[in-house]
N, C-alpha and C. Protein backbone atom coordinates (compact mmCIF):
# COMPACT_ATOMS: atom_id res chain seq x y z
N UNK A 1 100.51 97.07 35.35
CA UNK A 1 99.31 96.79 34.60
C UNK A 1 99.60 96.83 33.09
N UNK A 2 100.42 97.77 32.65
CA UNK A 2 100.76 97.84 31.23
C UNK A 2 101.59 96.64 30.78
N UNK A 3 102.38 96.11 31.68
CA UNK A 3 103.20 94.95 31.32
C UNK A 3 102.32 93.77 30.90
N UNK A 4 101.18 93.61 31.56
CA UNK A 4 100.26 92.54 31.18
C UNK A 4 99.72 92.72 29.77
N UNK A 5 99.40 93.97 29.43
CA UNK A 5 98.91 94.24 28.08
C UNK A 5 100.00 94.00 27.04
N UNK A 6 101.19 94.46 27.33
CA UNK A 6 102.29 94.23 26.39
C UNK A 6 102.52 92.74 26.19
N UNK A 7 102.46 92.02 27.26
CA UNK A 7 102.66 90.58 27.17
C UNK A 7 101.58 89.96 26.29
N UNK A 8 100.34 90.38 26.48
CA UNK A 8 99.25 89.86 25.68
C UNK A 8 99.40 90.28 24.21
N UNK A 9 99.81 91.51 23.98
CA UNK A 9 100.04 91.98 22.61
C UNK A 9 101.15 91.19 21.95
N UNK A 10 102.20 90.92 22.71
CA UNK A 10 103.30 90.12 22.16
C UNK A 10 102.83 88.71 21.81
N UNK A 11 102.00 88.13 22.67
CA UNK A 11 101.46 86.80 22.38
C UNK A 11 100.58 86.82 21.14
N UNK A 12 99.77 87.85 21.02
CA UNK A 12 98.92 87.97 19.83
C UNK A 12 99.76 88.15 18.58
N UNK A 13 100.79 88.97 18.67
CA UNK A 13 101.67 89.19 17.51
C UNK A 13 102.38 87.89 17.13
N UNK A 14 102.78 87.12 18.14
CA UNK A 14 103.44 85.85 17.87
C UNK A 14 102.47 84.88 17.19
N UNK A 15 101.23 84.85 17.65
CA UNK A 15 100.23 83.97 17.04
C UNK A 15 99.97 84.36 15.59
N UNK A 16 99.83 85.64 15.34
CA UNK A 16 99.60 86.11 13.97
C UNK A 16 100.79 85.74 13.09
N UNK A 17 101.98 85.91 13.60
CA UNK A 17 103.18 85.61 12.80
C UNK A 17 103.29 84.11 12.51
N UNK A 18 102.95 83.28 13.48
CA UNK A 18 102.99 81.83 13.26
C UNK A 18 101.98 81.41 12.20
N UNK A 19 100.77 81.95 12.29
CA UNK A 19 99.74 81.62 11.30
C UNK A 19 100.15 82.12 9.91
N UNK A 20 100.71 83.34 9.86
CA UNK A 20 101.19 83.88 8.59
C UNK A 20 102.27 82.98 7.99
N UNK A 21 103.20 82.54 8.82
CA UNK A 21 104.28 81.68 8.35
C UNK A 21 103.74 80.35 7.84
N UNK A 22 102.80 79.75 8.56
CA UNK A 22 102.23 78.48 8.14
C UNK A 22 101.44 78.61 6.83
N UNK A 23 100.65 79.65 6.72
CA UNK A 23 99.83 79.83 5.51
C UNK A 23 100.71 80.09 4.29
N UNK A 24 101.68 81.00 4.44
CA UNK A 24 102.53 81.30 3.28
C UNK A 24 103.40 80.10 2.91
N UNK A 25 103.82 79.31 3.89
CA UNK A 25 104.61 78.11 3.59
C UNK A 25 103.75 77.09 2.84
N UNK A 26 102.51 76.92 3.27
CA UNK A 26 101.61 75.98 2.58
C UNK A 26 101.30 76.44 1.16
N UNK A 27 101.09 77.73 0.99
CA UNK A 27 100.80 78.27 -0.35
C UNK A 27 102.01 78.09 -1.27
N UNK A 28 103.20 78.38 -0.75
CA UNK A 28 104.41 78.21 -1.56
C UNK A 28 104.59 76.76 -1.97
N UNK A 29 104.42 75.83 -1.03
CA UNK A 29 104.55 74.41 -1.35
C UNK A 29 103.51 73.99 -2.39
N UNK A 30 102.28 74.47 -2.25
CA UNK A 30 101.23 74.12 -3.20
C UNK A 30 101.52 74.67 -4.59
N UNK A 31 102.04 75.88 -4.67
CA UNK A 31 102.36 76.47 -5.96
C UNK A 31 103.47 75.67 -6.66
N UNK A 32 104.47 75.27 -5.91
CA UNK A 32 105.56 74.50 -6.52
C UNK A 32 105.06 73.14 -6.99
N UNK A 33 104.23 72.48 -6.18
CA UNK A 33 103.68 71.19 -6.61
C UNK A 33 102.77 71.37 -7.82
N UNK A 34 101.98 72.43 -7.83
CA UNK A 34 101.10 72.69 -8.98
C UNK A 34 101.91 72.93 -10.25
N UNK A 35 103.05 73.60 -10.12
CA UNK A 35 103.91 73.81 -11.28
C UNK A 35 104.43 72.48 -11.81
N UNK A 36 104.79 71.57 -10.92
CA UNK A 36 105.24 70.25 -11.36
C UNK A 36 104.10 69.49 -12.04
N UNK A 37 102.90 69.60 -11.48
CA UNK A 37 101.75 68.93 -12.05
C UNK A 37 101.43 69.49 -13.43
N UNK A 38 101.51 70.81 -13.58
CA UNK A 38 101.28 71.43 -14.89
C UNK A 38 102.34 70.99 -15.89
N UNK A 39 103.57 70.83 -15.44
CA UNK A 39 104.63 70.35 -16.33
C UNK A 39 104.32 68.93 -16.81
N UNK A 40 103.83 68.10 -15.92
CA UNK A 40 103.46 66.73 -16.30
C UNK A 40 102.34 66.76 -17.34
N UNK A 41 101.35 67.60 -17.11
CA UNK A 41 100.23 67.68 -18.06
C UNK A 41 100.66 68.28 -19.39
N UNK A 42 101.49 69.31 -19.34
CA UNK A 42 101.91 69.99 -20.58
C UNK A 42 102.82 69.10 -21.42
N UNK A 43 103.67 68.33 -20.76
CA UNK A 43 104.61 67.47 -21.49
C UNK A 43 104.02 66.11 -21.83
N UNK A 44 102.87 65.80 -21.29
CA UNK A 44 102.22 64.53 -21.58
C UNK A 44 102.98 63.34 -21.01
N UNK A 45 103.59 63.51 -19.87
CA UNK A 45 104.35 62.42 -19.26
C UNK A 45 103.42 61.37 -18.68
N UNK A 46 103.92 60.15 -18.61
CA UNK A 46 103.15 59.08 -17.99
C UNK A 46 104.10 58.07 -17.37
N UNK A 47 103.57 57.21 -16.55
CA UNK A 47 104.38 56.16 -15.94
C UNK A 47 105.37 56.69 -14.91
N UNK A 48 106.58 56.15 -15.00
CA UNK A 48 107.59 56.51 -14.00
C UNK A 48 108.08 57.95 -14.16
N UNK A 49 108.04 58.48 -15.37
CA UNK A 49 108.45 59.87 -15.57
C UNK A 49 107.47 60.81 -14.88
N UNK A 50 106.19 60.52 -15.01
CA UNK A 50 105.16 61.32 -14.34
C UNK A 50 105.34 61.26 -12.83
N UNK A 51 105.52 60.04 -12.34
CA UNK A 51 105.68 59.85 -10.90
C UNK A 51 106.94 60.56 -10.39
N UNK A 52 108.01 60.50 -11.15
CA UNK A 52 109.26 61.15 -10.75
C UNK A 52 109.12 62.66 -10.67
N UNK A 53 108.48 63.24 -11.66
CA UNK A 53 108.30 64.69 -11.65
C UNK A 53 107.39 65.12 -10.50
N UNK A 54 106.34 64.36 -10.24
CA UNK A 54 105.43 64.70 -9.15
C UNK A 54 106.10 64.54 -7.79
N UNK A 55 106.91 63.50 -7.63
CA UNK A 55 107.64 63.32 -6.37
C UNK A 55 108.66 64.44 -6.19
N UNK A 56 109.36 64.79 -7.26
CA UNK A 56 110.31 65.90 -7.19
C UNK A 56 109.60 67.21 -6.84
N UNK A 57 108.44 67.43 -7.44
CA UNK A 57 107.67 68.63 -7.12
C UNK A 57 107.20 68.65 -5.68
N UNK A 58 106.79 67.49 -5.18
CA UNK A 58 106.36 67.41 -3.78
C UNK A 58 107.54 67.65 -2.83
N UNK A 59 108.68 67.08 -3.15
CA UNK A 59 109.87 67.28 -2.31
C UNK A 59 110.34 68.74 -2.34
N UNK A 60 110.40 69.31 -3.53
CA UNK A 60 110.80 70.71 -3.63
C UNK A 60 109.80 71.63 -2.92
N UNK A 61 108.53 71.32 -3.06
CA UNK A 61 107.51 72.10 -2.37
C UNK A 61 107.64 72.01 -0.86
N UNK A 62 107.89 70.80 -0.36
CA UNK A 62 108.06 70.63 1.09
C UNK A 62 109.30 71.37 1.60
N UNK A 63 110.39 71.27 0.87
CA UNK A 63 111.62 71.96 1.29
C UNK A 63 111.41 73.48 1.25
N UNK A 64 110.78 73.97 0.21
CA UNK A 64 110.53 75.41 0.11
C UNK A 64 109.58 75.88 1.20
N UNK A 65 108.58 75.06 1.52
CA UNK A 65 107.65 75.41 2.59
C UNK A 65 108.33 75.49 3.94
N UNK A 66 109.18 74.52 4.23
CA UNK A 66 109.92 74.53 5.51
C UNK A 66 110.87 75.71 5.54
N UNK A 67 111.53 75.98 4.42
CA UNK A 67 112.45 77.13 4.36
C UNK A 67 111.70 78.43 4.64
N UNK A 68 110.53 78.58 4.04
CA UNK A 68 109.73 79.79 4.26
C UNK A 68 109.30 79.91 5.72
N UNK A 69 108.87 78.81 6.30
CA UNK A 69 108.43 78.80 7.69
C UNK A 69 109.58 79.22 8.62
N UNK A 70 110.72 78.62 8.44
CA UNK A 70 111.88 78.94 9.28
C UNK A 70 112.32 80.39 9.06
N UNK A 71 112.33 80.84 7.83
CA UNK A 71 112.78 82.20 7.52
C UNK A 71 111.88 83.25 8.17
N UNK A 72 110.57 83.08 8.05
CA UNK A 72 109.63 84.05 8.62
C UNK A 72 109.73 84.07 10.13
N UNK A 73 109.75 82.89 10.75
CA UNK A 73 109.78 82.84 12.21
C UNK A 73 111.11 83.31 12.78
N UNK A 74 112.21 83.02 12.11
CA UNK A 74 113.51 83.49 12.61
C UNK A 74 113.64 85.01 12.45
N UNK A 75 113.10 85.55 11.36
CA UNK A 75 113.12 87.00 11.18
C UNK A 75 112.27 87.69 12.26
N UNK A 76 111.12 87.11 12.55
CA UNK A 76 110.25 87.67 13.60
C UNK A 76 110.95 87.59 14.96
N UNK A 77 111.61 86.48 15.24
CA UNK A 77 112.30 86.34 16.51
C UNK A 77 113.44 87.35 16.62
N UNK A 78 114.16 87.57 15.54
CA UNK A 78 115.24 88.57 15.56
C UNK A 78 114.72 89.98 15.81
N UNK A 79 113.60 90.31 15.18
CA UNK A 79 113.00 91.64 15.40
C UNK A 79 112.47 91.76 16.82
N UNK A 80 111.91 90.69 17.34
CA UNK A 80 111.37 90.72 18.70
C UNK A 80 112.50 90.89 19.72
N UNK A 81 113.62 90.22 19.48
CA UNK A 81 114.74 90.32 20.42
C UNK A 81 115.39 91.71 20.42
N UNK A 82 115.41 92.37 19.26
CA UNK A 82 116.00 93.71 19.19
C UNK A 82 115.02 94.78 19.62
N UNK A 83 113.76 94.42 19.78
CA UNK A 83 112.77 95.37 20.26
C UNK A 83 112.10 96.20 19.19
N UNK A 84 112.18 95.76 17.93
CA UNK A 84 111.52 96.50 16.84
C UNK A 84 110.13 96.08 16.64
């Protein structure tokens, strides 16, 4: 009977960790893109320079978001496998 509860607790913990990873990855990506956007506004860029900085910010944000997602989930999986 306890095994069922542990299994449910593990599923709940996994769900919380996945949501945490997704939210923090999205926030990190948004912050990086916002920094690129602020740089465009502060420097007064326009045309292709503006577009280039915004595309670079979007790409860096996406890469950082994926890195954060993978890092959080792999750390959680490692802790789960060792039983911590």
